[in-house]
Amino acid sequence: MSYDDLHQIYTIKGRLLAYRRLCKAKAVACSLLCLLWSTGMSYSRFLYSLEIWPSP
């Protein structure tokens, strides 16, 4: 095994780790967005039921 081979393996590993981190970050962001969206939807439904917010 030469230094170049090790370097290549290391960069591939680094890329995989970075990709995994990115996926994790995306998953967290998506779940947060979903949570915010569902909260917003239930909040707007609550306002509709009180008839404060004009329904479309």
N, C-alpha and C. Protein backbone atom coordinates (compact mmCIF):
# COMPACT_ATOMS: atom_id res chain seq x y z
N MET A 1 0.84 -1.21 0.00
CA MET A 1 0.00 0.00 0.00
C MET A 1 0.88 1.26 0.00
N SER A 2 0.65 2.07 -0.97
CA SER A 2 1.42 3.31 -1.05
C SER A 2 0.69 4.43 -0.32
N TYR A 3 1.36 5.56 -0.22
CA TYR A 3 0.77 6.72 0.44
C TYR A 3 -0.46 7.21 -0.32
N ASP A 4 -0.39 7.13 -1.67
CA ASP A 4 -1.52 7.59 -2.49
C ASP A 4 -2.77 6.76 -2.23
N ASP A 5 -2.58 5.43 -2.09
CA ASP A 5 -3.72 4.56 -1.82
C ASP A 5 -4.37 4.93 -0.49
N LEU A 6 -3.53 5.11 0.53
CA LEU A 6 -4.03 5.49 1.85
C LEU A 6 -4.76 6.82 1.78
N HIS A 7 -4.18 7.75 1.07
CA HIS A 7 -4.78 9.08 0.94
C HIS A 7 -6.15 8.98 0.27
N GLN A 8 -6.21 8.14 -0.79
CA GLN A 8 -7.48 7.96 -1.51
C GLN A 8 -8.54 7.37 -0.59
N ILE A 9 -8.16 6.33 0.16
CA ILE A 9 -9.10 5.70 1.09
C ILE A 9 -9.56 6.70 2.13
N TYR A 10 -8.60 7.50 2.63
CA TYR A 10 -8.92 8.50 3.66
C TYR A 10 -9.91 9.54 3.13
N THR A 11 -9.69 10.00 1.89
CA THR A 11 -10.59 11.02 1.33
C THR A 11 -11.98 10.43 1.08
N ILE A 12 -12.02 9.17 0.64
CA ILE A 12 -13.32 8.52 0.42
C ILE A 12 -14.06 8.39 1.75
N LYS A 13 -13.31 7.98 2.79
CA LYS A 13 -13.91 7.86 4.12
C LYS A 13 -14.42 9.22 4.60
N GLY A 14 -13.60 10.25 4.38
CA GLY A 14 -13.99 11.60 4.78
C GLY A 14 -15.24 12.07 4.06
N ARG A 15 -15.30 11.75 2.78
CA ARG A 15 -16.49 12.12 1.99
C ARG A 15 -17.72 11.41 2.49
N LEU A 16 -17.56 10.13 2.79
CA LEU A 16 -18.69 9.36 3.31
C LEU A 16 -19.18 9.93 4.63
N LEU A 17 -18.24 10.28 5.51
CA LEU A 17 -18.61 10.87 6.80
C LEU A 17 -19.32 12.20 6.61
N ALA A 18 -18.79 13.01 5.70
CA ALA A 18 -19.41 14.31 5.43
C ALA A 18 -20.80 14.12 4.86
N TYR A 19 -20.93 13.13 3.97
CA TYR A 19 -22.23 12.84 3.35
C TYR A 19 -23.22 12.38 4.41
N ARG A 20 -22.75 11.53 5.32
CA ARG A 20 -23.62 11.06 6.40
C ARG A 20 -24.07 12.21 7.28
N ARG A 21 -23.13 13.11 7.59
CA ARG A 21 -23.46 14.28 8.41
C ARG A 21 -24.50 15.13 7.71
N LEU A 22 -24.32 15.30 6.40
CA LEU A 22 -25.25 16.09 5.60
C LEU A 22 -26.63 15.44 5.63
N CYS A 23 -26.67 14.12 5.49
CA CYS A 23 -27.95 13.41 5.52
C CYS A 23 -28.62 13.56 6.88
N LYS A 24 -27.82 13.45 7.94
CA LYS A 24 -28.36 13.63 9.29
C LYS A 24 -28.93 15.02 9.46
N ALA A 25 -28.17 16.02 9.00
CA ALA A 25 -28.62 17.40 9.10
C ALA A 25 -29.90 17.60 8.31
N LYS A 26 -29.96 16.99 7.11
CA LYS A 26 -31.17 17.10 6.29
C LYS A 26 -32.35 16.45 6.98
N ALA A 27 -32.12 15.29 7.57
CA ALA A 27 -33.20 14.57 8.26
C ALA A 27 -33.73 15.40 9.43
N VAL A 28 -32.81 15.99 10.19
CA VAL A 28 -33.20 16.83 11.32
C VAL A 28 -33.99 18.04 10.83
N ALA A 29 -33.49 18.68 9.77
CA ALA A 29 -34.17 19.85 9.22
C ALA A 29 -35.56 19.48 8.72
N CYS A 30 -35.66 18.33 8.04
CA CYS A 30 -36.97 17.89 7.52
C CYS A 30 -37.95 17.62 8.65
N SER A 31 -37.49 16.95 9.70
CA SER A 31 -38.39 16.66 10.81
C SER A 31 -38.82 17.94 11.51
N LEU A 32 -37.89 18.89 11.63
CA LEU A 32 -38.24 20.18 12.24
C LEU A 32 -39.27 20.91 11.39
N LEU A 33 -39.05 20.89 10.07
CA LEU A 33 -39.99 21.55 9.16
C LEU A 33 -41.36 20.90 9.24
N CYS A 34 -41.37 19.56 9.27
CA CYS A 34 -42.64 18.85 9.38
C CYS A 34 -43.35 19.20 10.68
N LEU A 35 -42.58 19.27 11.76
CA LEU A 35 -43.15 19.61 13.06
C LEU A 35 -43.73 21.02 13.04
N LEU A 36 -42.96 21.95 12.48
CA LEU A 36 -43.43 23.34 12.38
C LEU A 36 -44.68 23.42 11.53
N TRP A 37 -44.69 22.69 10.41
CA TRP A 37 -45.82 22.73 9.50
C TRP A 37 -47.07 22.18 10.17
N SER A 38 -46.92 21.02 10.84
CA SER A 38 -48.09 20.42 11.50
C SER A 38 -48.58 21.30 12.64
N THR A 39 -47.65 21.92 13.37
CA THR A 39 -48.03 22.84 14.44
C THR A 39 -48.78 24.03 13.86
N GLY A 40 -48.25 24.56 12.77
CA GLY A 40 -48.90 25.68 12.10
C GLY A 40 -50.29 25.32 11.60
N MET A 41 -50.43 24.11 11.04
CA MET A 41 -51.72 23.67 10.54
C MET A 41 -52.73 23.53 11.67
N SER A 42 -52.30 22.90 12.78
CA SER A 42 -53.23 22.73 13.90
C SER A 42 -53.57 24.08 14.53
N TYR A 43 -52.59 24.99 14.55
CA TYR A 43 -52.83 26.33 15.10
C TYR A 43 -53.84 27.09 14.23
N SER A 44 -53.68 26.99 12.90
CA SER A 44 -54.63 27.68 12.02
C SER A 44 -56.02 27.05 12.12
N ARG A 45 -56.07 25.72 12.31
CA ARG A 45 -57.37 25.07 12.50
C ARG A 45 -58.02 25.56 13.79
N PHE A 46 -57.19 25.72 14.82
CA PHE A 46 -57.68 26.24 16.09
C PHE A 46 -58.25 27.64 15.91
N LEU A 47 -57.56 28.47 15.15
CA LEU A 47 -58.05 29.83 14.88
C LEU A 47 -59.33 29.79 14.05
N TYR A 48 -59.39 28.85 13.09
CA TYR A 48 -60.61 28.70 12.29
C TYR A 48 -61.79 28.34 13.19
N SER A 49 -61.54 27.44 14.14
CA SER A 49 -62.63 26.99 15.01
C SER A 49 -63.11 28.13 15.90
N LEU A 50 -62.20 29.04 16.25
CA LEU A 50 -62.60 30.21 17.04
C LEU A 50 -63.21 31.30 16.15
N GLU A 51 -63.06 31.11 14.84
CA GLU A 51 -63.55 32.06 13.83
C GLU A 51 -62.89 33.43 13.97
N ILE A 52 -61.62 33.43 14.41
CA ILE A 52 -60.85 34.67 14.45
C ILE A 52 -60.20 34.87 13.09
N TRP A 53 -59.65 33.76 12.60
CA TRP A 53 -58.94 33.79 11.33
C TRP A 53 -59.92 33.56 10.19
N PRO A 54 -59.95 34.41 9.19
CA PRO A 54 -60.88 34.20 8.08
C PRO A 54 -60.50 32.98 7.26
N SER A 55 -61.44 32.09 7.07
CA SER A 55 -61.14 30.87 6.31
C SER A 55 -61.07 31.21 4.82
N PRO A 56 -60.18 30.55 4.10
CA PRO A 56 -60.02 30.87 2.67
C PRO A 56 -61.22 30.43 1.84
